[in-house]
Protein backbone atom coordinates (compact mmCIF):
# COMPACT_ATOMS: atom_id res chain seq x y z
CA MET A 1 -0.24 -0.04 -0.10
CA GLN A 2 0.85 3.54 -1.10
CA PRO A 3 2.53 5.66 2.19
CA LEU A 4 0.02 8.41 2.70
CA GLU A 5 1.30 12.01 1.80
CA LEU A 6 -0.39 14.67 4.24
CA TYR A 7 -1.65 18.37 4.01
CA ILE A 8 -2.58 20.07 7.10
CA HIS A 9 -4.11 23.50 6.27
CA ILE A 10 -3.63 26.39 8.36
CA PRO A 11 -5.80 29.50 7.25
CA PHE A 12 -4.20 32.52 9.59
CA CYS A 13 -1.99 35.10 8.91
CA VAL A 14 -1.18 38.52 10.42
CA LYS A 15 -2.77 39.88 7.25
CA LYS A 16 -4.19 38.84 4.18
CA CYS A 17 -1.59 39.73 1.01
CA ALA A 18 -3.07 41.16 -1.76
CA TYR A 19 -1.86 38.60 -4.07
CA CYS A 20 -2.82 35.61 -1.92
CA ASP A 21 -5.39 33.16 -3.47
CA PHE A 22 -5.27 30.88 -0.44
CA LEU A 23 -7.87 30.48 1.71
CA SER A 24 -6.32 32.37 4.72
CA GLY A 25 -6.78 35.74 6.72
CA PRO A 26 -5.85 37.01 9.89
CA SER A 27 -7.59 35.65 13.28
CA GLY A 28 -7.62 35.86 16.83
CA PRO A 29 -6.43 33.56 19.97
CA LYS A 30 -10.00 32.25 20.11
CA GLU A 31 -10.76 31.32 16.51
CA GLN A 32 -7.21 29.64 16.29
CA ALA A 33 -7.84 27.54 19.32
CA ASP A 34 -11.35 26.55 17.99
CA TYR A 35 -9.79 25.56 14.33
CA VAL A 36 -7.06 23.61 16.05
CA ASP A 37 -9.62 21.83 18.16
CA ALA A 38 -11.85 21.26 15.16
CA LEU A 39 -8.31 19.80 13.17
CA LEU A 40 -7.96 17.76 16.17
CA GLU A 41 -10.92 16.20 15.79
CA GLU A 42 -10.81 15.69 12.14
CA ILE A 43 -7.73 13.86 12.53
CA ASN A 44 -9.01 11.72 15.19
CA ALA A 45 -12.02 10.97 12.89
CA ALA A 46 -9.92 9.68 9.98
CA GLU A 47 -10.63 6.02 9.53
CA GLU A 48 -9.49 5.61 5.93
CA GLY A 49 -5.88 6.01 6.76
CA LYS A 50 -5.42 4.50 10.51
CA GLY A 51 -2.39 2.70 10.75
CA ARG A 52 -0.84 3.39 7.47
CA SER A 53 2.54 5.15 6.76
CA VAL A 54 2.92 8.70 6.15
CA SER A 55 6.01 9.68 4.11
CA SER A 56 5.31 13.20 4.06
CA VAL A 57 3.58 16.04 6.46
CA PHE A 58 2.94 19.39 5.19
CA ILE A 59 1.74 22.14 7.42
CA GLY A 60 1.11 25.24 4.98
CA GLY A 61 -1.69 27.88 4.86
CA GLY A 62 -1.82 30.91 5.47
CA THR A 63 1.04 31.17 7.95
CA PRO A 64 1.27 28.47 10.12
CA SER A 65 3.97 29.90 12.33
CA VAL A 66 1.43 32.47 13.23
CA LEU A 67 0.09 29.68 15.63
CA ASP A 68 1.70 29.20 18.87
CA GLU A 69 4.00 26.37 18.85
CA ARG A 70 2.05 24.49 21.14
CA PHE A 71 -0.63 23.97 18.77
CA ILE A 72 1.65 22.37 16.28
CA GLY A 73 2.93 19.87 18.56
CA GLU A 74 -0.73 18.85 19.54
CA ILE A 75 -1.35 18.56 15.36
CA LEU A 76 1.48 16.44 15.14
CA ASN A 77 1.04 14.19 18.18
CA HIS A 78 -2.66 12.96 16.81
CA ILE A 79 -0.97 12.81 13.79
CA ARG A 80 1.53 10.42 15.17
CA ARG A 81 -1.39 8.55 17.48
CA LYS A 82 -3.52 7.92 14.35
CA PHE A 83 -0.94 6.98 11.59
CA GLN A 84 2.66 5.54 11.40
CA ILE A 85 5.19 8.56 10.59
CA ALA A 86 7.95 6.86 8.93
CA ASP A 87 11.50 6.85 10.19
CA HIS A 88 12.53 8.77 7.10
CA ALA A 89 9.23 11.03 6.61
CA GLU A 90 9.74 14.70 5.91
CA ILE A 91 8.07 17.02 8.18
CA THR A 92 7.75 20.15 6.91
CA ILE A 93 5.98 23.63 7.91
CA GLU A 94 5.95 27.09 6.67
CA VAL A 95 7.50 30.04 8.34
CA ASN A 96 7.53 33.37 7.44
CA PRO A 97 9.74 36.12 9.00
CA GLY A 98 7.78 38.06 11.63
CA THR A 99 5.92 35.17 12.74
CA ALA A 100 8.96 32.83 14.04
CA ASP A 101 11.66 33.21 16.33
CA ARG A 102 14.34 31.00 17.99
CA ASN A 103 12.00 29.29 20.35
CA LYS A 104 9.59 28.41 17.93
CA LEU A 105 12.11 26.69 15.71
CA GLN A 106 13.54 25.15 18.54
CA ALA A 107 9.95 23.81 19.37
CA TYR A 108 9.49 22.58 15.84
CA ARG A 109 12.54 20.48 16.02
CA THR A 110 11.43 18.81 18.87
CA TYR A 111 8.08 18.04 17.53
CA GLY A 112 10.40 16.37 14.86
CA ILE A 113 9.62 19.12 12.01
CA ASN A 114 13.02 18.37 9.88
CA ARG A 115 12.22 21.17 6.95
CA LEU A 116 10.89 24.48 7.01
CA SER A 117 9.32 26.29 3.86
CA ILE A 118 10.57 29.99 4.55
CA GLY A 119 8.56 32.89 2.73
CA LEU A 120 10.52 35.08 0.93
CA GLN A 121 9.12 36.89 -2.08
CA SER A 122 11.84 39.12 -2.86
CA PRO A 123 14.90 40.29 -1.30
CA ASP A 124 13.84 44.16 -2.04
CA ASP A 125 12.52 45.87 0.94
CA ARG A 126 10.28 48.30 -1.60
CA GLU A 127 8.80 45.21 -3.40
CA LEU A 128 8.26 43.35 0.23
CA LYS A 129 6.48 46.25 1.03
CA ILE A 130 4.67 46.89 -2.30
CA LEU A 131 3.24 42.95 -1.93
CA GLY A 132 2.16 43.95 2.10
CA ARG A 133 4.57 41.31 3.36
CA ILE A 134 4.92 42.34 7.22
CA HIS A 135 8.79 41.62 7.32
CA ASN A 136 11.73 43.38 5.27
CA TYR A 137 14.72 41.26 4.12
CA GLU A 138 16.85 42.07 7.31
CA GLN A 139 14.28 39.85 9.12
CA PHE A 140 14.40 36.97 6.75
CA LEU A 141 18.30 36.77 7.22
CA GLU A 142 17.84 36.99 10.98
CA LEU A 143 15.46 34.15 10.70
CA LEU A 144 18.26 32.05 8.79
CA SER A 145 20.52 33.01 11.29
CA ASP A 146 18.55 31.57 14.36
CA LYS A 147 19.17 28.35 12.15
CA GLY A 148 22.49 28.53 12.07
CA TYR A 149 22.57 29.48 8.45
CA GLU A 150 24.27 32.55 6.75
CA VAL A 151 23.35 34.21 3.15
CA LYS A 152 26.19 34.92 1.24
CA GLN A 153 25.52 36.77 -2.64
CA GLY A 154 22.12 35.21 -2.57
CA LYS A 155 23.51 31.69 -1.52
CA TYR A 156 22.23 29.65 1.61
CA LEU A 157 25.24 28.33 3.49
CA ALA A 158 25.02 26.12 6.40
């Protein structure tokens, strides 16, 4: 039987960007908690894939890193109880500068997240402002340095 690849949609952002076509938008703590509760119920109710191997989990959105990191841990714990996460599984979360910091990144690692998808639409601050992004290029670089990377001439170095 083919392993499953799971996509978990987190529809929350700090603000809705004009160019974004995804189901997403700003929310408060209550809406986020209610959504996560409903998502956990949905995971628990998933009988079709019960016990199946999972080779990939992608937590996207929106901006999943806008959530308190404990919610991400709860989601992954429920997935692990319902499915068998393969030892080599790629577990990814989308993060944006301005919504993730060293503490969140460390928490993600303890939850088993082994890949980040970092949103950077442009290294030009003027373009980022036009696009309505909540961060600038310097904040993107700071997020990478929190992960132990540095950027030189457009290349990422570990």
